[in-house]
C-alpha atoms as a PDB file:
ATOM      1  CA  MET A   1    -155.377 185.411  74.340  1.00  0.00           C
ATOM      2  CA  ARG A   2    -151.743 185.880  75.514  1.00  0.00           C
ATOM      3  CA  THR A   3    -152.849 186.054  79.151  1.00  0.00           C
ATOM      4  CA  MET A   4    -155.018 182.944  78.768  1.00  0.00           C
ATOM      5  CA  PHE A   5    -152.094 180.863  77.342  1.00  0.00           C
ATOM      6  CA  GLU A   6    -149.198 182.431  79.298  1.00  0.00           C
ATOM      7  CA  GLN A   7    -147.924 179.138  80.744  1.00  0.00           C
ATOM      8  CA  GLU A   8    -148.201 177.336  77.401  1.00  0.00           C
ATOM      9  CA  ILE A   9    -146.375 180.206  75.676  1.00  0.00           C
ATOM     10  CA  SER A  10    -143.541 180.238  78.212  1.00  0.00           C
ATOM     11  CA  LYS A  11    -143.102 176.483  77.988  1.00  0.00           C
ATOM     12  CA  TYR A  12    -143.292 176.444  74.182  1.00  0.00           C
ATOM     13  CA  ASP A  13    -140.808 179.281  73.732  1.00  0.00           C
ATOM     14  CA  LEU A  14    -138.254 177.598  76.077  1.00  0.00           C
ATOM     15  CA  LEU A  15    -138.656 174.208  74.296  1.00  0.00           C
ATOM     16  CA  ALA A  16    -138.555 175.706  70.853  1.00  0.00           C
ATOM     17  CA  LYS A  17    -135.192 177.366  71.644  1.00  0.00           C
ATOM     18  CA  GLN A  18    -133.798 174.047  72.964  1.00  0.00           C
ATOM     19  CA  TYR A  19    -135.204 172.082  70.033  1.00  0.00           C
ATOM     20  CA  LEU A  20    -133.666 174.324  67.355  1.00  0.00           C
ATOM     21  CA  GLU A  21    -130.337 174.265  69.156  1.00  0.00           C
ATOM     22  CA  LYS A  22    -130.117 170.609  70.050  1.00  0.00           C
ATOM     23  CA  VAL A  23    -132.195 168.816  67.401  1.00  0.00           C
ATOM     24  CA  ALA A  24    -132.536 170.966  64.305  1.00  0.00           C
ATOM     25  CA  ALA A  25    -129.221 172.810  64.095  1.00  0.00           C
ATOM     26  CA  PRO A  26    -126.936 169.733  64.530  1.00  0.00           C
ATOM     27  CA  MET A  27    -128.689 167.898  61.661  1.00  0.00           C
ATOM     28  CA  GLY A  28    -127.904 170.679  59.253  1.00  0.00           C
ATOM     29  CA  ASP A  29    -130.582 172.363  57.059  1.00  0.00           C
ATOM     30  CA  LEU A  30    -130.829 169.695  54.411  1.00  0.00           C
ATOM     31  CA  GLU A  31    -131.184 166.623  56.797  1.00  0.00           C
ATOM     32  CA  TYR A  32    -133.609 168.476  59.146  1.00  0.00           C
ATOM     33  CA  ARG A  33    -135.797 169.568  56.280  1.00  0.00           C
ATOM     34  CA  LYS A  34    -135.962 165.979  54.976  1.00  0.00           C
ATOM     35  CA  HIS A  35    -136.787 164.769  58.466  1.00  0.00           C
ATOM     36  CA  SER A  36    -139.502 167.364  58.792  1.00  0.00           C
ATOM     37  CA  GLU A  37    -140.919 166.785  55.282  1.00  0.00           C
ATOM     38  CA  ILE A  38    -141.295 163.082  55.759  1.00  0.00           C
ATOM     39  CA  LEU A  39    -143.013 163.282  59.106  1.00  0.00           C
ATOM     40  CA  PHE A  40    -145.257 166.221  58.209  1.00  0.00           C
ATOM     41  CA  SER A  41    -146.327 164.622  54.911  1.00  0.00           C
ATOM     42  CA  CYS A  42    -146.942 161.167  56.377  1.00  0.00           C
ATOM     43  CA  HIS A  43    -149.085 162.557  59.267  1.00  0.00           C
ATOM     44  CA  SER A  44    -150.912 165.318  57.275  1.00  0.00           C
ATOM     45  CA  CYS A  45    -151.985 162.849  54.604  1.00  0.00           C
ATOM     46  CA  GLY A  46    -152.648 160.238  57.284  1.00  0.00           C
ATOM     47  CA  ILE A  47    -155.187 162.527  58.987  1.00  0.00           C
ATOM     48  CA  GLU A  48    -157.068 162.458  55.631  1.00  0.00           C
ATOM     49  CA  GLY A  49    -157.014 158.678  55.494  1.00  0.00           C
ATOM     50  CA  SER A  50    -153.648 157.724  53.892  1.00  0.00           C
ATOM     51  CA  SER A  51    -152.357 154.370  55.136  1.00  0.00           C
ATOM     52  CA  PHE A  52    -148.644 155.276  54.470  1.00  0.00           C
ATOM     53  CA  SER A  53    -146.352 154.646  57.415  1.00  0.00           C
ATOM     54  CA  VAL A  54    -143.348 156.906  58.105  1.00  0.00           C
ATOM     55  CA  ASP A  55    -141.146 154.184  56.511  1.00  0.00           C
ATOM     56  CA  ASP A  56    -143.373 154.071  53.384  1.00  0.00           C
ATOM     57  CA  THR A  57    -143.268 157.871  53.247  1.00  0.00           C
ATOM     58  CA  ARG A  58    -139.481 157.876  53.533  1.00  0.00           C
ATOM     59  CA  ALA A  59    -139.126 155.288  50.724  1.00  0.00           C
ATOM     60  CA  LEU A  60    -141.413 157.210  48.432  1.00  0.00           C
ATOM     61  CA  PHE A  61    -139.450 160.451  49.238  1.00  0.00           C
ATOM     62  CA  GLU A  62    -136.205 158.732  48.351  1.00  0.00           C
ATOM     63  CA  GLN A  63    -137.293 156.685  45.312  1.00  0.00           C
ATOM     64  CA  GLY A  64    -140.095 158.825  43.920  1.00  0.00           C
ATOM     65  CA  LEU A  65    -143.032 157.167  42.163  1.00  0.00           C
ATOM     66  CA  GLY A  66    -140.753 154.347  41.118  1.00  0.00           C
ATOM     67  CA  TYR A  67    -141.488 153.069  44.696  1.00  0.00           C
ATOM     68  CA  TYR A  68    -144.801 151.146  44.886  1.00  0.00           C
ATOM     69  CA  PRO A  69    -145.431 149.816  48.373  1.00  0.00           C
ATOM     70  CA  VAL A  70    -147.386 146.543  48.706  1.00  0.00           C
ATOM     71  CA  GLY A  71    -151.001 147.191  49.760  1.00  0.00           C
ATOM     72  CA  LYS A  72    -151.023 150.868  48.853  1.00  0.00           C
ATOM     73  CA  THR A  73    -152.967 152.415  46.055  1.00  0.00           C
ATOM     74  CA  LEU A  74    -151.496 154.432  43.245  1.00  0.00           C
ATOM     75  CA  LEU A  75    -153.809 157.315  44.386  1.00  0.00           C
ATOM     76  CA  GLU A  76    -152.146 157.269  47.845  1.00  0.00           C
ATOM     77  CA  CYS A  77    -148.669 157.326  46.151  1.00  0.00           C
ATOM     78  CA  GLN A  78    -149.667 160.309  43.988  1.00  0.00           C
ATOM     79  CA  GLU A  79    -151.212 162.166  47.005  1.00  0.00           C
ATOM     80  CA  MET A  80    -148.021 161.795  48.915  1.00  0.00           C
ATOM     81  CA  ALA A  81    -145.891 162.861  45.957  1.00  0.00           C
ATOM     82  CA  ASP A  82    -148.121 165.991  45.522  1.00  0.00           C
ATOM     83  CA  HIS A  83    -147.738 166.795  49.247  1.00  0.00           C
ATOM     84  CA  PHE A  84    -143.907 166.693  48.837  1.00  0.00           C
ATOM     85  CA  LYS A  85    -144.193 169.221  45.958  1.00  0.00           C
ATOM     86  CA  ALA A  86    -146.428 171.525  47.957  1.00  0.00           C
ATOM     87  CA  TYR A  87    -144.198 171.305  51.026  1.00  0.00           C
ATOM     88  CA  GLU A  88    -141.026 172.060  49.044  1.00  0.00           C
ATOM     89  CA  TRP A  89    -142.676 174.931  47.213  1.00  0.00           C
ATOM     90  CA  MET A  90    -143.737 176.398  50.444  1.00  0.00           C
ATOM     91  CA  HIS A  91    -140.213 176.178  51.959  1.00  0.00           C
ATOM     92  CA  ASN A  92    -138.744 177.770  48.828  1.00  0.00           C
ATOM     93  CA  HIS A  93    -141.241 180.658  48.881  1.00  0.00           C
ATOM     94  CA  LEU A  94    -141.372 181.777  52.607  1.00  0.00           C
ATOM     95  CA  ASP A  95    -141.032 185.377  51.444  1.00  0.00           C
ATOM     96  CA  HIS A  96    -144.386 185.115  49.545  1.00  0.00           C
ATOM     97  CA  PRO A  97    -147.083 187.412  50.763  1.00  0.00           C
ATOM     98  CA  PHE A  98    -149.789 185.629  52.959  1.00  0.00           C
ATOM     99  CA  ASP A  99    -152.501 186.050  50.498  1.00  0.00           C
ATOM    100  CA  VAL A 100    -155.124 184.288  48.434  1.00  0.00           C
ATOM    101  CA  GLU A 101    -152.539 183.447  45.775  1.00  0.00           C
ATOM    102  CA  LEU A 102    -150.449 181.574  48.288  1.00  0.00           C
ATOM    103  CA  MET A 103    -153.502 179.665  49.386  1.00  0.00           C
ATOM    104  CA  LYS A 104    -154.579 178.687  45.934  1.00  0.00           C
ATOM    105  CA  THR A 105    -151.036 177.717  44.872  1.00  0.00           C
ATOM    106  CA  LEU A 106    -150.632 175.304  47.845  1.00  0.00           C
ATOM    107  CA  ASN A 107    -154.020 173.768  47.199  1.00  0.00           C
ATOM    108  CA  ARG A 108    -153.261 173.391  43.472  1.00  0.00           C
ATOM    109  CA  LEU A 109    -149.979 171.497  44.286  1.00  0.00           C
ATOM    110  CA  VAL A 110    -151.605 169.379  46.968  1.00  0.00           C
ATOM    111  CA  THR A 111    -154.388 168.167  44.755  1.00  0.00           C
ATOM    112  CA  GLU A 112    -152.780 168.409  41.263  1.00  0.00           C
ATOM    113  CA  GLY A 113    -152.484 164.609  40.671  1.00  0.00           C
ATOM    114  CA  THR A 114    -155.603 163.414  42.514  1.00  0.00           C
ATOM    115  CA  LEU A 115    -158.481 165.873  42.174  1.00  0.00           C
ATOM    116  CA  SER A 116    -159.572 164.670  38.770  1.00  0.00           C
ATOM    117  CA  TYR A 117    -160.041 161.111  40.124  1.00  0.00           C
ATOM    118  CA  ARG A 118    -161.937 162.291  43.311  1.00  0.00           C
ATOM    119  CA  VAL A 119    -164.004 165.067  41.791  1.00  0.00           C
ATOM    120  CA  PRO A 120    -164.139 164.908  37.991  1.00  0.00           C
ATOM    121  CA  GLY A 121    -164.348 168.392  36.442  1.00  0.00           C
ATOM    122  CA  ALA A 122    -163.023 170.272  39.502  1.00  0.00           C
ATOM    123  CA  VAL A 123    -159.886 172.393  39.019  1.00  0.00           C
ATOM    124  CA  PRO A 124    -156.974 172.157  41.497  1.00  0.00           C
ATOM    125  CA  GLY A 125    -156.340 175.431  43.286  1.00  0.00           C
ATOM    126  CA  GLU A 126    -159.806 176.922  42.398  1.00  0.00           C
ATOM    127  CA  PHE A 127    -162.535 177.566  44.988  1.00  0.00           C
ATOM    128  CA  THR A 128    -165.443 175.141  45.221  1.00  0.00           C
ATOM    129  CA  THR A 129    -168.577 175.857  43.179  1.00  0.00           C
ATOM    130  CA  VAL A 130    -170.774 173.703  45.434  1.00  0.00           C
ATOM    131  CA  ASP A 131    -171.539 173.635  49.154  1.00  0.00           C
ATOM    132  CA  MET A 132    -169.215 171.384  51.106  1.00  0.00           C
ATOM    133  CA  ALA A 133    -169.467 168.578  53.691  1.00  0.00           C
ATOM    134  CA  ALA A 134    -166.829 166.571  55.549  1.00  0.00           C
ATOM    135  CA  GLY A 135    -167.704 163.598  57.693  1.00  0.00           C
ATOM    136  CA  ASP A 136    -170.756 164.674  59.722  1.00  0.00           C
ATOM    137  CA  THR A 137    -170.082 168.385  59.250  1.00  0.00           C
ATOM    138  CA  VAL A 138    -172.087 170.372  56.710  1.00  0.00           C
ATOM    139  CA  PHE A 139    -170.538 173.666  55.853  1.00  0.00           C
ATOM    140  CA  GLY A 140    -172.402 176.851  54.987  1.00  0.00           C
ATOM    141  CA  ASP A 141    -173.283 178.517  51.707  1.00  0.00           C
ATOM    142  CA  HIS A 142    -170.062 178.238  49.659  1.00  0.00           C
ATOM    143  CA  ASP A 143    -170.423 181.673  48.054  1.00  0.00           C
ATOM    144  CA  LYS A 144    -170.753 183.393  51.389  1.00  0.00           C
ATOM    145  CA  LEU A 145    -167.856 181.463  52.879  1.00  0.00           C
ATOM    146  CA  ILE A 146    -165.520 182.052  49.895  1.00  0.00           C
ATOM    147  CA  ALA A 147    -166.381 185.786  50.024  1.00  0.00           C
ATOM    148  CA  GLN A 148    -164.691 185.881  53.447  1.00  0.00           C
ATOM    149  CA  VAL A 149    -161.376 184.314  52.349  1.00  0.00           C
ATOM    150  CA  PRO A 150    -159.662 187.518  51.230  1.00  0.00           C
ATOM    151  CA  ASN A 151    -160.439 189.160  54.590  1.00  0.00           C
ATOM    152  CA  LEU A 152    -159.062 186.173  56.463  1.00  0.00           C
ATOM    153  CA  MET A 153    -155.809 186.300  54.537  1.00  0.00           C
ATOM    154  CA  GLU A 154    -155.513 190.144  54.803  1.00  0.00           C
ATOM    155  CA  SER A 155    -156.226 190.202  58.540  1.00  0.00           C
ATOM    156  CA  THR A 156    -153.827 187.347  59.213  1.00  0.00           C
ATOM    157  CA  ALA A 157    -151.127 189.017  57.160  1.00  0.00           C
ATOM    158  CA  ARG A 158    -151.600 192.219  59.205  1.00  0.00           C
ATOM    159  CA  ALA A 159    -151.361 190.240  62.457  1.00  0.00           C
ATOM    160  CA  ILE A 160    -148.118 188.631  61.164  1.00  0.00           C
ATOM    161  CA  ALA A 161    -146.627 192.061  60.335  1.00  0.00           C
ATOM    162  CA  GLU A 162    -147.779 193.631  63.707  1.00  0.00           C
ATOM    163  CA  GLY A 163    -146.373 190.818  65.781  1.00  0.00           C
ATOM    164  CA  ASN A 164    -148.779 191.307  68.767  1.00  0.00           C
ATOM    165  CA  ILE A 165    -150.053 187.769  68.755  1.00  0.00           C
ATOM    166  CA  HIS A 166    -147.756 184.748  69.500  1.00  0.00           C
ATOM    167  CA  PRO A 167    -147.110 182.900  66.261  1.00  0.00           C
ATOM    168  CA  MET A 168    -148.555 179.563  67.631  1.00  0.00           C
ATOM    169  CA  VAL A 169    -151.735 181.256  68.736  1.00  0.00           C
ATOM    170  CA  LEU A 170    -152.021 183.058  65.375  1.00  0.00           C
ATOM    171  CA  SER A 171    -151.309 179.803  63.522  1.00  0.00           C
ATOM    172  CA  ALA A 172    -154.010 177.921  65.457  1.00  0.00           C
ATOM    173  CA  ARG A 173    -156.590 180.712  65.131  1.00  0.00           C
ATOM    174  CA  PHE A 174    -156.002 181.089  61.418  1.00  0.00           C
ATOM    175  CA  HIS A 175    -156.440 177.360  61.036  1.00  0.00           C
ATOM    176  CA  GLY A 176    -159.790 177.360  62.814  1.00  0.00           C
ATOM    177  CA  PHE A 177    -161.134 180.109  60.678  1.00  0.00           C
ATOM    178  CA  TYR A 178    -159.690 178.599  57.486  1.00  0.00           C
ATOM    179  CA  GLU A 179    -161.171 175.167  58.079  1.00  0.00           C
ATOM    180  CA  TYR A 180    -164.517 176.821  58.928  1.00  0.00           C
ATOM    181  CA  LEU A 181    -164.507 178.389  55.435  1.00  0.00           C
ATOM    182  CA  HIS A 182    -163.555 175.136  53.741  1.00  0.00           C
ATOM    183  CA  PRO A 183    -163.045 176.868  50.375  1.00  0.00           C
ATOM    184  CA  PHE A 184    -161.834 174.036  48.177  1.00  0.00           C
ATOM    185  CA  ARG A 185    -163.368 170.810  46.703  1.00  0.00           C
ATOM    186  CA  ASP A 186    -160.456 168.755  48.152  1.00  0.00           C
ATOM    187  CA  GLY A 187    -157.356 169.183  50.159  1.00  0.00           C
ATOM    188  CA  ASN A 188    -158.674 171.741  52.631  1.00  0.00           C
ATOM    189  CA  GLY A 189    -157.016 169.983  55.658  1.00  0.00           C
ATOM    190  CA  ARG A 190    -153.605 169.513  53.984  1.00  0.00           C
ATOM    191  CA  THR A 191    -153.704 173.034  52.629  1.00  0.00           C
ATOM    192  CA  GLY A 192    -154.648 174.542  55.958  1.00  0.00           C
ATOM    193  CA  ARG A 193    -151.916 172.679  57.872  1.00  0.00           C
ATOM    194  CA  LEU A 194    -149.372 173.925  55.330  1.00  0.00           C
ATOM    195  CA  LEU A 195    -150.575 177.512  55.742  1.00  0.00           C
ATOM    196  CA  SER A 196    -150.485 177.291  59.503  1.00  0.00           C
ATOM    197  CA  ASN A 197    -146.892 176.104  59.321  1.00  0.00           C
ATOM    198  CA  PHE A 198    -146.078 178.855  56.878  1.00  0.00           C
ATOM    199  CA  ILE A 199    -146.836 181.190  59.738  1.00  0.00           C
ATOM    200  CA  LEU A 200    -144.558 179.328  62.092  1.00  0.00           C
ATOM    201  CA  LEU A 201    -141.774 179.134  59.538  1.00  0.00           C
ATOM    202  CA  GLN A 202    -141.863 182.814  58.831  1.00  0.00           C
ATOM    203  CA  HIS A 203    -141.186 183.384  62.492  1.00  0.00           C
ATOM    204  CA  GLY A 204    -138.263 180.871  62.500  1.00  0.00           C
ATOM    205  CA  LEU A 205    -140.098 178.364  64.614  1.00  0.00           C
ATOM    206  CA  PRO A 206    -140.217 174.530  64.304  1.00  0.00           C
ATOM    207  CA  GLU A 207    -143.050 173.061  62.198  1.00  0.00           C
ATOM    208  CA  LEU A 208    -146.092 171.673  63.973  1.00  0.00           C
ATOM    209  CA  ILE A 209    -146.716 168.040  62.977  1.00  0.00           C
ATOM    210  CA  ILE A 210    -150.252 167.022  63.985  1.00  0.00           C
ATOM    211  CA  ARG A 211    -149.936 163.315  64.296  1.00  0.00           C
ATOM    212  CA  LYS A 212    -152.547 161.027  62.698  1.00  0.00           C
ATOM    213  CA  GLU A 213    -152.901 159.265  66.059  1.00  0.00           C
ATOM    214  CA  ASP A 214    -154.274 162.548  67.558  1.00  0.00           C
ATOM    215  CA  ARG A 215    -156.850 162.987  64.750  1.00  0.00           C
ATOM    216  CA  ASN A 216    -159.925 162.606  67.009  1.00  0.00           C
ATOM    217  CA  GLN A 217    -158.704 165.351  69.314  1.00  0.00           C
ATOM    218  CA  TYR A 218    -157.763 167.529  66.468  1.00  0.00           C
ATOM    219  CA  ILE A 219    -161.178 167.172  64.727  1.00  0.00           C
ATOM    220  CA  ALA A 220    -162.909 167.792  68.116  1.00  0.00           C
ATOM    221  CA  ALA A 221    -161.017 171.034  68.546  1.00  0.00           C
ATOM    222  CA  LEU A 222    -161.910 172.098  65.057  1.00  0.00           C
ATOM    223  CA  LYS A 223    -165.612 171.305  65.597  1.00  0.00           C
ATOM    224  CA  ALA A 224    -165.601 173.395  68.770  1.00  0.00           C
ATOM    225  CA  LYS A 225    -164.972 176.369  66.546  1.00  0.00           C
ATOM    226  CA  ARG A 226    -168.277 175.784  64.804  1.00  0.00           C
ATOM    227  CA  THR A 227    -170.390 174.516  67.712  1.00  0.00           C
ATOM    228  CA  GLU A 228    -169.103 176.749  70.565  1.00  0.00           C
ATOM    229  CA  GLY A 229    -167.778 179.646  68.532  1.00  0.00           C
ATOM    230  CA  THR A 230    -164.436 179.527  70.271  1.00  0.00           C
ATOM    231  CA  ASP A 231    -160.947 178.560  69.157  1.00  0.00           C
ATOM    232  CA  GLU A 232    -159.556 178.109  72.758  1.00  0.00           C
ATOM    233  CA  HIS A 233    -159.697 174.315  72.263  1.00  0.00           C
ATOM    234  CA  LEU A 234    -157.745 174.519  68.959  1.00  0.00           C
ATOM    235  CA  VAL A 235    -155.070 176.882  70.423  1.00  0.00           C
ATOM    236  CA  ALA A 236    -154.571 174.570  73.361  1.00  0.00           C
ATOM    237  CA  PHE A 237    -154.436 171.547  71.074  1.00  0.00           C
ATOM    238  CA  PHE A 238    -151.729 173.234  68.919  1.00  0.00           C
ATOM    239  CA  PHE A 239    -149.637 174.111  71.996  1.00  0.00           C
ATOM    240  CA  ASN A 240    -149.987 170.637  73.490  1.00  0.00           C
ATOM    241  CA  ALA A 241    -149.124 168.898  70.138  1.00  0.00           C
ATOM    242  CA  ALA A 242    -146.107 171.141  69.538  1.00  0.00           C
ATOM    243  CA  ILE A 243    -144.758 170.743  73.097  1.00  0.00           C
ATOM    244  CA  LYS A 244    -145.192 166.969  73.002  1.00  0.00           C
ATOM    245  CA  GLN A 245    -143.547 166.732  69.543  1.00  0.00           C
ATOM    246  CA  MET A 246    -140.461 168.750  70.611  1.00  0.00           C
ATOM    247  CA  GLN A 247    -140.092 167.068  73.960  1.00  0.00           C
ATOM    248  CA  ASP A 248    -140.265 163.608  72.429  1.00  0.00           C
ATOM    249  CA  GLU A 249    -137.495 164.465  69.914  1.00  0.00           C
ATOM    250  CA  LEU A 250    -135.382 166.149  72.607  1.00  0.00           C
ATOM    251  CA  ASN A 251    -135.695 162.957  74.786  1.00  0.00           C
ATOM    252  CA  GLN A 252    -134.781 160.767  71.859  1.00  0.00           C
ATOM    253  CA  LYS A 253    -131.724 162.890  71.260  1.00  0.00           C
ATOM    254  CA  LYS A 254    -130.666 162.792  74.909  1.00  0.00           C
ATOM    255  CA  ASN A 255    -131.259 158.953  75.263  1.00  0.00           C
ATOM    256  CA  GLY A 256    -129.524 158.273  71.925  1.00  0.00           C
ATOM    257  CA  SER A 257    -126.463 160.209  73.081  1.00  0.00           C
ATOM    258  CA  LYS A 258    -125.817 158.116  76.253  1.00  0.00           C
ATOM    259  CA  PRO A 259    -122.535 156.108  76.417  1.00  0.00           C
ATOM    260  CA  MET A 260    -123.115 152.458  75.539  1.00  0.00           C
ATOM    261  CA  LEU A 261    -121.385 149.431  77.301  1.00  0.00           C
ATOM    262  CA  PHE A 262    -119.967 147.328  74.527  1.00  0.00           C
ATOM    263  CA  PHE A 263    -118.804 143.740  74.801  1.00  0.00           C
END
């Protein structure tokens, strides 16, 4: 895998170093984390259908559920507030083992305030008791898929500890396997993107924000895991999305720092 993505790895590593030095570090930990939390939450929920803009997300972040944007549902507001909780818990527990408990905790936090409305009787953070479908994808026997979850978490934890796979490759490969298993009644996408970023954060790398505008490419890359049995498309998508994200923000920083001609 490393040989296959050598060019992407080299470009990513160089940009990540520049990004952390020129964008993240000058903001300071608190401001950079707020910036990332708002963008990540907006786009991760947006992939699942949320109509929140970045400005809506920022207002909710700053004002809490006292903010009620015109044209948005209470369910959307609660979903975003839950995502903030899951995101913040993850950042405060980066020393947590990469295990089933971590997965269940993040899913519980992501779905705590909305699952009872979407799936009455379902329990946040507990595995599905029925077979799952999403869009035009029908997943396999839920008992057989859930039985594979501990092995996925254990093998990923070993790979993190061994350090032989580039973190972005590992993050993408984990994500493909996780979404293939689709173990929860709701929140699988949001939980999976948090877990993939947990891997990157443990390695001191910038978070990957998959933008809602790239949803179709993202879904197509995930489907290739099922239809072609390969995660090459997803790994390539992860690298391309990360490189574009970092380059865009580096360019914004550069252009915003140019001297201006006043009156």
